[in-house]
Protein backbone atom coordinates (compact mmCIF):
# COMPACT_ATOMS: atom_id res chain seq x y z
CA MET A 1 -12.50 4.96 30.73
CA SER A 2 -10.71 3.97 27.52
CA LYS A 3 -9.65 0.40 26.87
CA PRO A 4 -5.96 -0.44 27.32
CA VAL A 5 -3.91 -0.81 24.14
CA ASP A 6 -1.50 -3.75 24.10
CA ASP A 7 2.20 -3.23 23.39
CA VAL A 8 2.09 -4.59 19.83
CA VAL A 9 -0.85 -2.37 18.88
CA SER A 10 0.93 0.63 20.37
CA THR A 11 4.19 -0.17 18.57
CA VAL A 12 2.38 -0.63 15.26
CA ARG A 13 0.57 2.70 15.60
CA THR A 14 3.71 4.55 16.58
CA TYR A 15 5.57 3.15 13.57
CA ILE A 16 2.72 3.98 11.20
CA GLU A 17 2.42 7.54 12.47
CA ALA A 18 6.17 8.08 12.09
CA HIS A 19 6.07 6.91 8.47
CA ARG A 20 2.65 8.19 7.46
CA GLY A 21 3.91 11.27 5.61
CA ALA A 22 6.42 9.38 3.46
CA PHE A 23 3.83 6.68 2.77
CA LEU A 24 1.29 9.23 1.50
CA ASP A 25 3.94 10.97 -0.59
CA ASP A 26 4.76 7.67 -2.28
CA LEU A 27 1.10 6.84 -2.82
CA ALA A 28 0.51 10.26 -4.39
CA GLU A 29 3.42 9.66 -6.76
CA TRP A 30 1.85 6.38 -7.87
CA LEU A 31 -1.58 7.97 -8.24
CA ARG A 32 -0.13 10.52 -10.66
CA ILE A 33 0.46 7.73 -13.18
CA PRO A 34 -2.76 7.50 -15.30
CA SER A 35 -2.76 3.72 -15.58
CA VAL A 36 -6.08 3.47 -17.46
CA SER A 37 -6.13 -0.04 -18.92
CA ALA A 38 -9.28 0.54 -20.99
CA GLN A 39 -7.69 3.27 -23.12
CA PRO A 40 -4.94 2.17 -25.56
CA GLU A 41 -3.29 5.59 -25.40
CA HIS A 42 -2.47 4.85 -21.74
CA ALA A 43 -0.79 1.48 -22.35
CA ALA A 44 2.62 2.98 -21.65
CA ASP A 45 1.29 4.48 -18.41
CA VAL A 46 -0.02 1.10 -17.26
CA ALA A 47 3.43 -0.38 -17.93
CA ARG A 48 5.03 2.56 -16.07
CA SER A 49 2.69 1.93 -13.13
CA ALA A 50 3.83 -1.70 -12.97
CA ASP A 51 7.49 -0.66 -13.07
CA TRP A 52 6.91 1.91 -10.32
CA LEU A 53 5.22 -0.63 -8.05
CA ALA A 54 7.83 -3.33 -8.59
CA ALA A 55 10.59 -0.86 -7.68
CA LYS A 56 8.71 0.33 -4.58
CA LEU A 57 8.08 -3.23 -3.40
CA GLY A 58 11.80 -3.82 -3.71
CA ASP A 59 12.40 -0.73 -1.56
CA THR A 60 9.91 -2.12 0.96
CA GLY A 61 12.06 -5.22 1.39
CA PHE A 62 10.60 -7.83 -0.94
CA PRO A 63 13.64 -9.76 -2.23
CA THR A 64 11.74 -10.90 -5.34
CA CYS A 65 9.94 -8.32 -7.49
CA GLU A 66 9.03 -9.17 -11.07
CA ILE A 67 7.00 -7.75 -13.95
CA TRP A 68 4.84 -10.47 -15.49
CA PRO A 69 3.81 -9.64 -19.06
CA THR A 70 0.48 -10.78 -20.46
CA ALA A 71 -1.15 -10.47 -23.87
CA GLY A 72 -2.48 -7.18 -22.49
CA ALA A 73 -1.20 -5.13 -19.55
CA PRO A 74 1.56 -6.33 -17.20
CA ALA A 75 1.09 -7.66 -13.70
CA VAL A 76 3.48 -7.31 -10.75
CA PHE A 77 4.59 -10.25 -8.64
CA ALA A 78 6.55 -9.98 -5.39
CA GLU A 79 7.60 -12.54 -2.81
CA TRP A 80 9.09 -12.36 0.68
CA PRO A 81 9.69 -15.78 2.29
CA SER A 82 9.37 -16.21 6.03
CA GLU A 83 12.33 -17.45 8.02
CA ASP A 84 10.00 -20.17 9.33
CA PRO A 85 9.78 -22.91 6.68
CA GLU A 86 6.55 -24.22 8.23
CA ALA A 87 4.75 -20.87 8.06
CA PRO A 88 1.62 -20.63 5.90
CA THR A 89 1.89 -19.00 2.47
CA VAL A 90 -0.38 -16.03 1.78
CA LEU A 91 -0.99 -14.36 -1.58
CA VAL A 92 -2.30 -10.77 -1.64
CA TYR A 93 -4.27 -9.79 -4.76
CA GLY A 94 -5.03 -6.31 -6.07
CA HIS A 95 -4.78 -4.28 -9.27
CA HIS A 96 -2.81 -1.23 -10.37
CA ASP A 97 -4.95 -0.14 -13.31
CA VAL A 98 -7.71 2.44 -12.86
CA GLN A 99 -10.91 3.60 -14.48
CA PRO A 100 -10.88 6.41 -17.07
CA ALA A 101 -11.14 9.90 -15.59
CA ALA A 102 -11.12 13.45 -16.91
CA ARG A 103 -11.72 16.86 -15.34
CA GLU A 104 -14.77 17.42 -17.57
CA ASP A 105 -16.44 14.31 -16.08
CA GLY A 106 -17.25 16.39 -13.02
CA TRP A 107 -14.00 16.28 -11.04
CA ASP A 108 -13.28 19.28 -8.83
CA THR A 109 -9.55 18.90 -9.54
CA ASP A 110 -7.32 17.01 -11.96
CA PRO A 111 -8.10 13.31 -11.25
CA PHE A 112 -4.42 12.38 -11.61
CA GLU A 113 -3.10 15.13 -9.37
CA PRO A 114 -3.80 13.86 -5.82
CA VAL A 115 -5.08 16.41 -3.35
CA ILE A 116 -5.87 16.09 0.36
CA ARG A 117 -8.98 17.93 1.52
CA GLY A 118 -9.64 17.55 5.22
CA ASN A 119 -8.89 13.93 6.00
CA ARG A 120 -9.56 12.64 2.51
CA LEU A 121 -7.21 11.91 -0.35
CA HIS A 122 -8.85 12.56 -3.73
CA ALA A 123 -7.52 10.98 -6.93
CA ARG A 124 -8.45 8.30 -9.41
CA GLY A 125 -7.33 5.03 -7.83
CA ALA A 126 -7.14 6.39 -4.29
CA ALA A 127 -9.53 3.68 -3.11
CA ASP A 128 -9.87 1.48 -6.21
CA ASP A 129 -7.35 0.03 -5.93
CA LYS A 130 -3.94 1.65 -5.52
CA GLY A 131 -4.58 2.87 -1.99
CA GLN A 132 -5.71 -0.55 -0.85
CA VAL A 133 -2.79 -2.30 -2.54
CA PHE A 134 -0.26 0.15 -1.21
CA PHE A 135 -1.29 -0.07 2.45
CA HIS A 136 0.32 -3.51 2.48
CA THR A 137 3.77 -1.97 1.99
CA LEU A 138 3.60 0.03 5.21
CA GLY A 139 1.68 -2.77 6.91
CA VAL A 140 4.43 -5.36 6.46
CA ARG A 141 7.08 -2.89 7.64
CA ALA A 142 5.02 -2.13 10.76
CA HIS A 143 4.65 -5.89 11.30
CA LEU A 144 8.43 -6.28 11.26
CA ALA A 145 8.95 -3.31 13.56
CA ALA A 146 6.47 -4.62 16.12
CA THR A 147 7.78 -8.21 16.11
CA GLY A 148 11.50 -7.61 15.71
CA ARG A 149 11.56 -9.87 12.66
CA THR A 150 13.63 -9.37 9.54
CA ALA A 151 11.10 -11.26 7.38
CA PRO A 152 7.30 -11.65 7.65
CA SER A 153 5.72 -14.29 9.89
CA VAL A 154 4.19 -15.85 6.76
CA HIS A 155 5.55 -16.57 3.31
CA LEU A 156 4.15 -13.43 1.71
CA LYS A 157 3.38 -13.03 -2.00
CA LEU A 158 1.71 -10.23 -3.95
CA LEU A 159 0.03 -10.38 -7.35
CA VAL A 160 -1.13 -7.00 -8.66
CA GLU A 161 -2.72 -7.19 -12.09
CA GLY A 162 -3.05 -4.46 -14.68
CA GLU A 163 -6.37 -5.24 -16.38
CA GLU A 164 -9.00 -5.59 -13.67
CA GLU A 165 -10.82 -2.46 -14.81
CA SER A 166 -10.98 -3.96 -18.31
CA GLY A 167 -12.52 -7.25 -17.17
CA SER A 168 -9.28 -9.15 -16.45
CA PRO A 169 -9.28 -10.76 -19.92
CA HIS A 170 -5.85 -12.38 -19.51
CA PHE A 171 -5.85 -12.94 -15.76
CA ARG A 172 -6.96 -16.54 -15.55
CA ARG A 173 -4.43 -17.66 -18.12
CA LEU A 174 -1.71 -15.82 -16.19
CA VAL A 175 -2.73 -17.58 -12.98
CA GLU A 176 -2.80 -20.96 -14.71
CA GLU A 177 0.61 -20.45 -16.31
CA ARG A 178 2.17 -19.19 -13.05
CA ALA A 179 0.26 -21.45 -10.66
CA GLU A 180 3.41 -22.97 -9.18
CA ARG A 181 4.85 -19.56 -8.33
CA LEU A 182 1.51 -18.38 -6.98
CA ALA A 183 0.81 -21.46 -4.81
CA ALA A 184 -0.65 -20.34 -1.49
CA ASP A 185 -2.62 -21.55 1.50
CA ALA A 186 -4.83 -18.46 1.44
CA VAL A 187 -5.53 -15.50 -0.83
CA ILE A 188 -6.14 -12.02 0.57
CA VAL A 189 -8.09 -9.76 -1.79
CA SER A 190 -7.65 -6.06 -1.07
CA ASP A 191 -10.06 -4.74 -3.67
CA THR A 192 -13.21 -4.43 -1.64
CA GLY A 193 -14.83 -2.33 1.04
CA MET A 194 -16.60 -2.06 4.37
CA TRP A 195 -20.17 -1.30 5.32
CA SER A 196 -19.39 2.20 6.61
CA GLU A 197 -16.87 4.26 8.54
CA ASP A 198 -18.65 3.43 11.80
CA THR A 199 -19.29 -0.24 11.04
CA PRO A 200 -16.12 -2.11 10.05
CA THR A 201 -16.88 -5.34 8.24
CA VAL A 202 -15.18 -8.21 6.50
CA CYS A 203 -16.55 -9.63 3.28
CA THR A 204 -16.93 -13.41 3.10
CA GLY A 205 -17.79 -13.96 -0.55
CA MET A 206 -18.61 -12.67 -4.00
CA ARG A 207 -21.14 -13.86 -6.52
CA GLY A 208 -20.16 -15.29 -9.88
CA LEU A 209 -21.42 -14.14 -13.25
CA ALA A 210 -22.61 -15.69 -16.49
CA GLU A 211 -23.78 -13.54 -19.41
CA CYS A 212 -25.44 -14.36 -22.70
CA GLU A 213 -26.97 -12.75 -25.76
CA ILE A 214 -29.93 -14.41 -27.47
CA GLU A 215 -30.71 -13.47 -31.05
CA LEU A 216 -34.07 -14.48 -32.50
CA PHE A 217 -34.72 -14.63 -36.24
CA GLY A 218 -38.11 -14.81 -37.98
CA PRO A 219 -38.86 -13.68 -41.55
CA ALA A 220 -35.86 -13.17 -43.82
CA GLN A 221 -36.70 -9.43 -43.80
CA ASP A 222 -39.13 -7.03 -42.12
CA ILE A 223 -42.60 -7.70 -43.51
CA HIS A 224 -45.99 -5.94 -43.59
CA SER A 225 -47.97 -6.53 -40.39
CA GLY A 226 -51.28 -6.19 -42.22
CA SER A 227 -50.48 -8.72 -44.90
CA PHE A 228 -48.72 -11.23 -42.67
CA GLY A 229 -49.44 -10.34 -39.03
CA GLY A 230 -51.19 -13.05 -37.07
CA ALA A 231 -50.15 -15.67 -39.61
CA VAL A 232 -46.37 -15.95 -39.10
CA PRO A 233 -44.32 -15.95 -35.86
CA ASN A 234 -42.99 -12.61 -34.66
CA PRO A 235 -39.44 -12.75 -33.18
CA ALA A 236 -40.07 -9.63 -31.07
CA THR A 237 -43.06 -11.32 -29.48
CA ALA A 238 -40.93 -14.42 -28.95
CA ALA A 239 -38.33 -12.26 -27.20
CA ALA A 240 -41.00 -10.75 -24.93
CA ARG A 241 -42.35 -14.19 -24.06
CA LEU A 242 -38.83 -15.43 -23.39
CA VAL A 243 -38.21 -12.60 -20.95
CA ALA A 244 -41.61 -13.09 -19.30
CA ALA A 245 -40.81 -16.76 -18.74
CA LEU A 246 -37.54 -16.02 -16.95
CA HIS A 247 -39.14 -15.78 -13.48
CA ASP A 248 -42.12 -17.34 -11.76
CA GLU A 249 -44.75 -15.51 -9.70
CA HIS A 250 -42.45 -15.60 -6.65
CA ALA A 251 -39.58 -13.93 -8.55
CA ARG A 252 -37.61 -17.16 -8.59
CA VAL A 253 -35.63 -17.94 -11.70
CA ALA A 254 -37.75 -20.37 -13.74
CA VAL A 255 -34.90 -21.98 -15.70
CA PRO A 256 -35.07 -25.71 -14.82
CA GLY A 257 -32.02 -26.77 -12.82
CA PHE A 258 -30.93 -23.18 -12.12
CA TYR A 259 -30.77 -23.64 -8.33
CA GLU A 260 -28.95 -26.96 -8.49
CA GLY A 261 -26.11 -27.02 -5.93
CA VAL A 262 -26.86 -23.62 -4.36
CA THR A 263 -25.26 -23.26 -0.92
CA GLU A 264 -28.10 -22.02 1.24
CA LEU A 265 -27.66 -19.36 3.89
CA THR A 266 -27.25 -20.70 7.42
CA ASP A 267 -29.34 -19.34 10.27
CA ARG A 268 -26.16 -17.78 11.70
CA GLU A 269 -25.43 -15.94 8.46
CA ARG A 270 -28.98 -14.61 8.38
CA GLU A 271 -28.53 -13.34 11.94
CA LEU A 272 -25.24 -11.63 11.05
CA PHE A 273 -26.79 -9.89 8.04
CA ALA A 274 -29.64 -8.73 10.24
CA GLU A 275 -27.17 -7.15 12.70
CA LEU A 276 -26.03 -4.61 10.10
CA PRO A 277 -27.55 -1.12 10.33
CA PHE A 278 -29.42 -1.47 7.06
CA ASP A 279 -31.97 1.19 6.24
CA GLU A 280 -34.08 0.15 3.27
CA GLU A 281 -35.34 3.64 2.44
CA THR A 282 -31.78 4.97 2.26
CA TRP A 283 -30.77 1.98 0.14
CA LEU A 284 -33.67 2.63 -2.24
CA ARG A 285 -32.57 6.23 -2.69
CA THR A 286 -29.10 5.02 -3.58
CA ALA A 287 -30.67 2.56 -6.03
CA ARG A 288 -32.79 5.37 -7.54
CA SER A 289 -35.81 3.11 -7.09
CA THR A 290 -39.16 3.43 -5.31
CA ALA A 291 -39.72 -0.21 -4.30
CA THR A 292 -37.82 -3.39 -3.57
CA HIS A 293 -38.44 -6.57 -5.52
CA GLY A 294 -37.00 -10.04 -5.61
CA GLU A 295 -37.16 -13.66 -4.62
CA ALA A 296 -39.87 -14.29 -2.02
CA GLY A 297 -38.74 -15.35 1.44
CA HIS A 298 -35.49 -13.35 1.45
CA THR A 299 -34.47 -9.93 2.72
CA THR A 300 -32.99 -7.29 0.45
CA LEU A 301 -29.44 -7.96 1.67
CA GLU A 302 -29.89 -11.69 1.22
CA ARG A 303 -31.10 -11.12 -2.33
CA VAL A 304 -28.11 -9.01 -3.39
CA TRP A 305 -25.44 -10.96 -1.52
CA ALA A 306 -26.42 -14.60 -1.18
CA ARG A 307 -29.07 -15.50 -3.75
CA PRO A 308 -28.60 -16.19 -7.47
CA THR A 309 -30.39 -13.92 -9.91
CA ALA A 310 -31.33 -13.55 -13.55
CA GLU A 311 -31.60 -10.08 -15.04
CA VAL A 312 -32.65 -8.70 -18.40
CA ASN A 313 -29.88 -6.28 -19.36
CA GLY A 314 -31.36 -5.36 -22.73
CA ILE A 315 -34.19 -6.24 -25.10
CA GLY A 316 -34.88 -4.92 -28.56
CA GLY A 317 -36.19 -5.60 -32.01
CA GLY A 318 -38.16 -4.00 -34.78
CA TYR A 319 -38.79 -0.34 -35.42
CA GLN A 320 -37.50 2.07 -32.75
CA GLY A 321 -37.89 5.44 -34.49
CA ALA A 322 -40.50 8.18 -34.22
CA GLY A 323 -44.03 7.44 -35.30
CA SER A 324 -45.18 4.00 -36.41
CA LYS A 325 -43.92 1.46 -38.85
CA THR A 326 -46.32 -1.44 -39.11
CA ILE A 327 -43.99 -4.38 -39.56
CA ILE A 328 -43.21 -7.80 -38.26
CA PRO A 329 -39.48 -7.45 -37.58
CA SER A 330 -37.09 -9.99 -38.96
CA SER A 331 -35.10 -10.25 -35.70
CA ALA A 332 -35.00 -9.43 -32.01
CA LEU A 333 -32.36 -9.50 -29.28
CA VAL A 334 -32.26 -10.27 -25.56
CA LYS A 335 -29.26 -9.78 -23.27
CA LEU A 336 -29.30 -11.70 -19.98
CA SER A 337 -26.96 -11.95 -17.01
CA PHE A 338 -26.97 -14.43 -14.15
CA ARG A 339 -25.36 -13.75 -10.79
CA LEU A 340 -24.30 -17.03 -9.23
CA VAL A 341 -23.66 -18.06 -5.63
CA ALA A 342 -21.49 -20.70 -4.02
CA GLY A 343 -22.30 -24.18 -5.23
CA GLN A 344 -23.40 -23.13 -8.72
CA ASP A 345 -21.38 -24.15 -11.77
CA PRO A 346 -21.32 -21.68 -14.69
CA ASP A 347 -21.02 -24.54 -17.19
CA HIS A 348 -24.18 -26.12 -15.80
CA ILE A 349 -25.96 -22.75 -15.91
CA GLU A 350 -25.04 -22.30 -19.57
CA LYS A 351 -26.41 -25.75 -20.47
CA ALA A 352 -29.59 -25.11 -18.48
CA VAL A 353 -30.20 -21.72 -20.12
CA ARG A 354 -29.59 -23.11 -23.59
CA ALA A 355 -32.11 -25.92 -23.00
CA TRP A 356 -34.64 -23.51 -21.47
CA ALA A 357 -34.39 -21.06 -24.36
CA ALA A 358 -34.83 -23.83 -26.92
CA ASP A 359 -38.07 -24.84 -25.19
CA GLN A 360 -39.37 -21.25 -25.15
CA VAL A 361 -38.76 -20.32 -28.78
CA PRO A 362 -41.70 -21.19 -31.08
CA ALA A 363 -41.50 -23.00 -34.39
CA GLY A 364 -40.56 -20.67 -37.21
CA VAL A 365 -38.21 -18.63 -35.05
CA ARG A 366 -34.54 -19.53 -35.15
CA HIS A 367 -32.34 -18.53 -32.23
CA GLU A 368 -28.63 -18.26 -31.47
CA ILE A 369 -27.14 -17.97 -27.98
CA THR A 370 -23.69 -16.59 -27.29
CA PHE A 371 -22.17 -16.83 -23.81
CA GLY A 372 -19.22 -14.73 -22.70
CA PRO A 373 -16.50 -15.84 -20.27
CA ALA A 374 -17.95 -16.71 -16.88
CA THR A 375 -16.81 -15.77 -13.38
CA ARG A 376 -17.22 -18.35 -10.63
CA PRO A 377 -18.58 -17.47 -7.18
CA CYS A 378 -16.40 -17.70 -4.09
CA LEU A 379 -17.35 -18.08 -0.44
CA THR A 380 -15.30 -18.52 2.74
CA PRO A 381 -17.06 -20.33 5.62
CA LEU A 382 -17.50 -18.23 8.74
CA ASP A 383 -15.53 -20.68 10.85
CA HIS A 384 -12.49 -20.84 8.56
CA PRO A 385 -9.39 -20.19 10.72
CA ALA A 386 -7.84 -17.82 8.16
CA LEU A 387 -11.03 -15.74 8.08
CA GLN A 388 -10.99 -15.55 11.84
CA SER A 389 -7.43 -14.23 11.65
CA VAL A 390 -8.64 -11.41 9.37
CA VAL A 391 -11.46 -10.62 11.80
CA ARG A 392 -9.12 -10.55 14.81
CA ALA A 393 -6.58 -8.37 12.99
CA MET A 394 -9.30 -5.90 11.99
CA GLY A 395 -10.64 -5.97 15.55
CA ARG A 396 -7.24 -4.96 16.94
CA ALA A 397 -7.00 -2.11 14.45
CA PHE A 398 -10.55 -0.77 14.85
CA GLU A 399 -11.03 -1.69 18.51
CA GLN A 400 -14.65 -2.68 17.99
CA PRO A 401 -16.60 -5.76 16.83
CA ILE A 402 -16.17 -6.69 13.18
CA ARG A 403 -19.32 -7.66 11.32
CA TYR A 404 -19.80 -9.66 8.14
CA THR A 405 -20.96 -8.84 4.64
CA ARG A 406 -20.81 -10.32 1.16
CA GLU A 407 -20.41 -8.66 -2.24
CA GLY A 408 -23.23 -8.79 -4.75
CA GLY A 409 -20.84 -8.17 -7.62
CA SER A 410 -18.24 -10.40 -9.21
CA GLY A 411 -14.49 -10.31 -9.74
CA PRO A 412 -11.41 -12.33 -10.64
CA ALA A 413 -10.90 -13.59 -7.08
CA ALA A 414 -12.77 -16.78 -7.95
CA ASP A 415 -10.10 -17.62 -10.55
CA LEU A 416 -7.48 -17.60 -7.80
CA GLN A 417 -9.66 -19.80 -5.61
CA GLU A 418 -10.35 -22.29 -8.37
CA VAL A 419 -6.88 -22.51 -9.94
CA LEU A 420 -4.86 -22.38 -6.73
CA GLY A 421 -7.30 -24.34 -4.58
CA ALA A 422 -6.95 -21.78 -1.79
CA PRO A 423 -9.64 -19.97 0.22
CA VAL A 424 -10.22 -16.33 -0.71
CA LEU A 425 -10.42 -13.78 2.10
CA PHE A 426 -11.27 -10.11 1.71
CA LEU A 427 -9.47 -7.26 3.43
CA GLY A 428 -10.67 -3.83 2.35
CA ILE A 429 -11.23 -0.50 4.08
CA SER A 430 -13.07 1.47 1.40
CA VAL A 431 -16.54 2.82 2.14
CA PRO A 432 -19.46 3.47 -0.25
CA SER A 433 -18.88 7.23 -0.27
CA ASP A 434 -15.41 6.74 -1.78
CA GLY A 435 -16.99 6.91 -5.22
CA TRP A 436 -15.34 4.08 -7.11
CA HIS A 437 -15.47 4.75 -10.88
CA ALA A 438 -17.07 8.14 -10.18
CA PRO A 439 -15.78 11.72 -10.24
CA ASN A 440 -13.88 12.87 -7.13
CA GLU A 441 -12.95 9.36 -6.02
CA LYS A 442 -11.36 9.50 -2.57
CA VAL A 443 -10.13 7.43 0.32
CA GLU A 444 -10.60 8.24 4.00
CA LEU A 445 -7.08 8.58 5.39
CA ASP A 446 -7.97 7.34 8.87
CA LEU A 447 -9.46 4.20 7.33
CA LEU A 448 -6.44 3.78 5.06
CA MET A 449 -4.25 3.74 8.17
CA LYS A 450 -6.58 1.19 9.74
CA GLY A 451 -5.92 -0.97 6.69
CA VAL A 452 -2.21 -0.60 7.35
CA GLU A 453 -2.74 -1.61 10.98
CA THR A 454 -4.84 -4.61 10.02
CA ALA A 455 -2.19 -5.87 7.62
CA ALA A 456 0.46 -5.38 10.31
CA HIS A 457 -1.46 -7.63 12.72
CA LEU A 458 -2.67 -10.19 10.19
CA TRP A 459 0.56 -11.94 9.29
CA GLY A 460 1.45 -12.77 12.89
CA ASP A 461 -2.07 -13.97 13.66
CA LEU A 462 -2.10 -16.29 10.64
CA ALA A 463 1.30 -17.72 11.54
CA GLU A 464 0.25 -18.30 15.14
CA ASN A 465 -3.24 -19.68 14.61
CA TRP A 466 -3.23 -21.39 11.25
CA ARG A 467 -0.67 -23.99 10.28
CA GLU A 468 -1.62 -25.60 7.01
CA PRO A 469 1.47 -25.67 4.74
CA HIS A 470 0.64 -25.80 1.04
């Protein structure tokens, strides 16, 4: 016997079904704009994408729709105040730029000519991230239809940037300059995914990232290894020793002070991770690896979601050509990246790594370290009332228990959390098979509609269960 569907859920679904065709037509029109931020020849397309979205948000009902220029690609800002002055303020984040794509990359069809095959919509940006941004337009209209309101239950804002696929180089400055307009009690990030089609999940955090390049310099030029080998320091050997010293025998990062401030997993979080239908052999095939490896005392999911890491991204120096060239090279290079978890400070990590490297490099080898811009980690506690609203809204849409994940990667969400002082929550419906950044990217249409449903339920739940005016 099927479970009864309450009146609001039924009204939301009826509204969505009635407007599904027009919604998908609009989304396809947006997907035809090749808003590739990484390619200068598409700069005008990225600007056109922003213009298109701002106009469509105005059609949706947002009374304020603005294009915010940056030193790079433009962002879109929209705002729709609630009629309740005491309602919480929510900011939705996403991006309208996409990854490069061309038919010769392996696409079955033109990546910028959307096509529906079965119940899947294929196009660059279908899942990452235009589809997941756009479901909020139908979601807020369904929310109004189901509640009889003329404005959302919350003060609703959207910020859709145009450079996420290029590393968001101007995003933090934009947020800092516009912090007053962006002020919110909570941030909803719709640029993420779920565990699988059969296991709906909500993400509770993303790791941060710090990256550096270490150059090591020995002799002023390459020198003969027979005449000088064993008598002067070799920068390539120093690079190898540096890399070898990065971890201890338990695969823990050996940089002194690296784990300072780390927010440890709770027993409840460990239990929730363990509830997921994780198959390690399948995961290894996806990873193109034959064995797992990592910090002792933690499962694979804990390692990629909730533990900090240090990785060697590149190492080189000396002769790399065919045959032999018996030299002591004059220089060597190591590229490192550090994934950070809640409680870690990128500035502290940089200082710790600099001090550690200085201790590892032998006399006679000079080194230079260059750090790039860092991304801070973000984490929402399981008991946060706004997170529970997301979980309940997803539960109404999917009609099954919602489980919890984290993201092992990093993104600009942490900038919003840090600058605005608001918790970051994740609402995404994409699944691993959607092929982000890959040929034949797609979105599952049934899941896309579940995203619409979730958004339709979320604003009322937040207004009813969380009153914390900014």
